[in-house]
Amino acid sequence: MIKLNIDIRKYIKENFKDTTTKEIRESIESSIKEKDEVTLPGLGVLFEILWTNSENDLQEKILDIISKNI
C-alpha cells in the first residue's frame, strides 16, 4: 500500500490563495451540490478557517445552526 503525505490544509489554502469571494462561494456551493465525498476534506479546511477566526458569539451561532440541522 502506498501512503501519500499530503498537507491538506496547506494544499487547500494555496489552491484558494488568489481567488475571489465569488469563486470561493461557487466552489463551496458546487461541492455541496455535487455531494462529492472527495471535497469534504477541503470543506473541512474552510470550516476550520471560519471557526478559528470567529468570535465566541459567532461560534455559538454556528453550533446552533449545526445542532438544529443534524
N, C-alpha and C. Protein backbone atom coordinates (compact mmCIF):
# COMPACT_ATOMS: atom_id res chain seq x y z
N MET A 1 0.84 -1.18 0.00
CA MET A 1 0.00 0.00 0.00
C MET A 1 0.88 1.25 0.00
N ILE A 2 0.56 2.19 -0.86
CA ILE A 2 1.31 3.44 -0.96
C ILE A 2 0.66 4.46 -0.04
N LYS A 3 1.48 5.08 0.79
CA LYS A 3 0.99 6.12 1.70
C LYS A 3 1.42 7.47 1.16
N LEU A 4 0.45 8.36 0.97
CA LEU A 4 0.75 9.69 0.47
C LEU A 4 0.83 10.68 1.63
N ASN A 5 1.84 11.50 1.62
CA ASN A 5 1.96 12.55 2.62
C ASN A 5 1.52 13.86 1.98
N ILE A 6 0.27 14.24 2.23
CA ILE A 6 -0.27 15.47 1.68
C ILE A 6 -0.73 16.34 2.84
N ASP A 7 -0.25 17.57 2.88
CA ASP A 7 -0.72 18.53 3.87
C ASP A 7 -1.96 19.20 3.28
N ILE A 8 -3.13 18.64 3.62
CA ILE A 8 -4.38 19.10 3.01
C ILE A 8 -4.66 20.56 3.33
N ARG A 9 -4.33 20.98 4.54
CA ARG A 9 -4.55 22.39 4.91
C ARG A 9 -3.74 23.31 3.99
N LYS A 10 -2.47 22.99 3.85
CA LYS A 10 -1.60 23.82 3.00
C LYS A 10 -2.08 23.79 1.55
N TYR A 11 -2.44 22.60 1.07
CA TYR A 11 -2.90 22.47 -0.32
C TYR A 11 -4.14 23.32 -0.57
N ILE A 12 -5.13 23.23 0.31
CA ILE A 12 -6.37 23.99 0.13
C ILE A 12 -6.10 25.49 0.21
N LYS A 13 -5.33 25.92 1.20
CA LYS A 13 -5.02 27.35 1.33
C LYS A 13 -4.29 27.88 0.09
N GLU A 14 -3.34 27.12 -0.41
CA GLU A 14 -2.62 27.52 -1.62
C GLU A 14 -3.55 27.55 -2.83
N ASN A 15 -4.45 26.57 -2.91
CA ASN A 15 -5.37 26.47 -4.03
C ASN A 15 -6.33 27.66 -4.07
N PHE A 16 -6.72 28.18 -2.92
CA PHE A 16 -7.68 29.28 -2.86
C PHE A 16 -7.02 30.64 -2.66
N LYS A 17 -5.70 30.68 -2.58
CA LYS A 17 -4.98 31.90 -2.22
C LYS A 17 -5.39 33.14 -3.02
N ASP A 18 -5.49 33.03 -4.31
CA ASP A 18 -5.76 34.19 -5.15
C ASP A 18 -7.17 34.23 -5.73
N THR A 19 -8.12 33.56 -5.05
CA THR A 19 -9.48 33.53 -5.56
C THR A 19 -10.33 34.63 -4.93
N THR A 20 -11.38 34.98 -5.63
CA THR A 20 -12.31 35.98 -5.13
C THR A 20 -13.33 35.31 -4.21
N THR A 21 -14.05 36.13 -3.46
CA THR A 21 -15.10 35.57 -2.61
C THR A 21 -16.17 34.89 -3.45
N LYS A 22 -16.42 35.42 -4.64
CA LYS A 22 -17.40 34.80 -5.53
C LYS A 22 -16.94 33.40 -5.94
N GLU A 23 -15.67 33.26 -6.27
CA GLU A 23 -15.13 31.96 -6.67
C GLU A 23 -15.15 30.98 -5.49
N ILE A 24 -14.86 31.47 -4.30
CA ILE A 24 -14.91 30.60 -3.12
C ILE A 24 -16.34 30.13 -2.89
N ARG A 25 -17.30 31.04 -3.01
CA ARG A 25 -18.72 30.68 -2.85
C ARG A 25 -19.12 29.62 -3.87
N GLU A 26 -18.73 29.84 -5.13
CA GLU A 26 -19.07 28.89 -6.19
C GLU A 26 -18.46 27.51 -5.91
N SER A 27 -17.25 27.50 -5.42
CA SER A 27 -16.59 26.23 -5.10
C SER A 27 -17.31 25.51 -3.97
N ILE A 28 -17.67 26.24 -2.93
CA ILE A 28 -18.40 25.65 -1.80
C ILE A 28 -19.74 25.11 -2.26
N GLU A 29 -20.50 25.93 -2.98
CA GLU A 29 -21.83 25.52 -3.42
C GLU A 29 -21.76 24.34 -4.39
N SER A 30 -20.77 24.33 -5.26
CA SER A 30 -20.60 23.23 -6.19
C SER A 30 -20.26 21.94 -5.44
N SER A 31 -19.37 22.04 -4.46
CA SER A 31 -19.00 20.86 -3.67
C SER A 31 -20.20 20.28 -2.94
N ILE A 32 -21.03 21.14 -2.39
CA ILE A 32 -22.22 20.68 -1.67
C ILE A 32 -23.23 20.09 -2.64
N LYS A 33 -23.45 20.76 -3.76
CA LYS A 33 -24.43 20.30 -4.75
C LYS A 33 -24.05 18.94 -5.32
N GLU A 34 -22.77 18.76 -5.61
CA GLU A 34 -22.30 17.51 -6.23
C GLU A 34 -22.29 16.35 -5.24
N LYS A 35 -22.30 16.64 -3.95
CA LYS A 35 -22.24 15.62 -2.89
C LYS A 35 -21.06 14.69 -3.10
N ASP A 36 -19.95 15.26 -3.52
CA ASP A 36 -18.73 14.51 -3.79
C ASP A 36 -17.93 14.35 -2.50
N GLU A 37 -17.74 13.11 -2.06
CA GLU A 37 -17.02 12.82 -0.82
C GLU A 37 -15.58 13.34 -0.86
N VAL A 38 -15.01 13.44 -2.04
CA VAL A 38 -13.63 13.89 -2.18
C VAL A 38 -13.47 15.35 -1.73
N THR A 39 -14.52 16.14 -1.85
CA THR A 39 -14.43 17.56 -1.50
C THR A 39 -14.61 17.82 0.00
N LEU A 40 -15.04 16.82 0.76
CA LEU A 40 -15.28 17.03 2.19
C LEU A 40 -14.05 17.51 2.96
N PRO A 41 -12.87 16.95 2.72
CA PRO A 41 -11.69 17.47 3.45
C PRO A 41 -11.44 18.96 3.17
N GLY A 42 -11.64 19.38 1.93
CA GLY A 42 -11.46 20.79 1.59
C GLY A 42 -12.46 21.68 2.29
N LEU A 43 -13.71 21.22 2.34
CA LEU A 43 -14.72 21.98 3.06
C LEU A 43 -14.39 22.03 4.54
N GLY A 44 -13.81 20.94 5.05
CA GLY A 44 -13.39 20.92 6.44
C GLY A 44 -12.31 21.95 6.73
N VAL A 45 -11.38 22.11 5.80
CA VAL A 45 -10.33 23.12 5.96
C VAL A 45 -10.95 24.52 5.96
N LEU A 46 -11.89 24.76 5.06
CA LEU A 46 -12.56 26.06 5.03
C LEU A 46 -13.33 26.31 6.33
N PHE A 47 -13.97 25.26 6.85
CA PHE A 47 -14.68 25.39 8.12
C PHE A 47 -13.69 25.68 9.25
N GLU A 48 -12.55 25.03 9.24
CA GLU A 48 -11.53 25.28 10.26
C GLU A 48 -11.08 26.74 10.23
N ILE A 49 -10.91 27.30 9.04
CA ILE A 49 -10.54 28.71 8.90
C ILE A 49 -11.64 29.59 9.49
N LEU A 50 -12.87 29.29 9.15
CA LEU A 50 -14.01 30.05 9.68
C LEU A 50 -14.03 29.98 11.20
N TRP A 51 -13.94 28.77 11.73
CA TRP A 51 -14.05 28.54 13.18
C TRP A 51 -12.95 29.26 13.95
N THR A 52 -11.71 29.08 13.51
CA THR A 52 -10.58 29.65 14.26
C THR A 52 -10.49 31.16 14.15
N ASN A 53 -11.19 31.74 13.19
CA ASN A 53 -11.15 33.20 13.02
C ASN A 53 -12.48 33.85 13.40
N SER A 54 -13.30 33.14 14.16
CA SER A 54 -14.60 33.66 14.58
C SER A 54 -14.60 33.94 16.08
N GLU A 55 -15.30 34.98 16.45
CA GLU A 55 -15.50 35.30 17.86
C GLU A 55 -16.42 34.25 18.48
N ASN A 56 -16.41 34.16 19.78
CA ASN A 56 -17.20 33.17 20.51
C ASN A 56 -18.68 33.23 20.16
N ASP A 57 -19.25 34.42 20.02
CA ASP A 57 -20.68 34.52 19.71
C ASP A 57 -21.01 33.95 18.33
N LEU A 58 -20.13 34.13 17.36
CA LEU A 58 -20.35 33.54 16.04
C LEU A 58 -20.18 32.03 16.10
N GLN A 59 -19.21 31.55 16.87
CA GLN A 59 -19.04 30.11 17.05
C GLN A 59 -20.30 29.49 17.65
N GLU A 60 -20.89 30.17 18.63
CA GLU A 60 -22.13 29.67 19.23
C GLU A 60 -23.26 29.62 18.21
N LYS A 61 -23.33 30.63 17.34
CA LYS A 61 -24.36 30.65 16.29
C LYS A 61 -24.14 29.49 15.31
N ILE A 62 -22.89 29.26 14.94
CA ILE A 62 -22.56 28.15 14.04
C ILE A 62 -22.98 26.83 14.68
N LEU A 63 -22.63 26.65 15.95
CA LEU A 63 -23.01 25.42 16.66
C LEU A 63 -24.52 25.24 16.71
N ASP A 64 -25.23 26.34 16.94
CA ASP A 64 -26.69 26.28 16.99
C ASP A 64 -27.27 25.85 15.64
N ILE A 65 -26.76 26.42 14.56
CA ILE A 65 -27.23 26.06 13.22
C ILE A 65 -26.95 24.59 12.94
N ILE A 66 -25.75 24.14 13.26
CA ILE A 66 -25.39 22.74 13.02
C ILE A 66 -26.29 21.83 13.85
N SER A 67 -26.42 22.15 15.12
CA SER A 67 -27.21 21.33 16.04
C SER A 67 -28.65 21.19 15.58
N LYS A 68 -29.24 22.28 15.12
CA LYS A 68 -30.64 22.27 14.68
C LYS A 68 -30.85 21.54 13.36
N ASN A 69 -29.79 21.33 12.61
CA ASN A 69 -29.94 20.76 11.28
C ASN A 69 -29.33 19.39 11.09
N ILE A 70 -28.89 18.78 12.16
CA ILE A 70 -28.35 17.41 12.07
C ILE A 70 -29.49 16.44 12.18
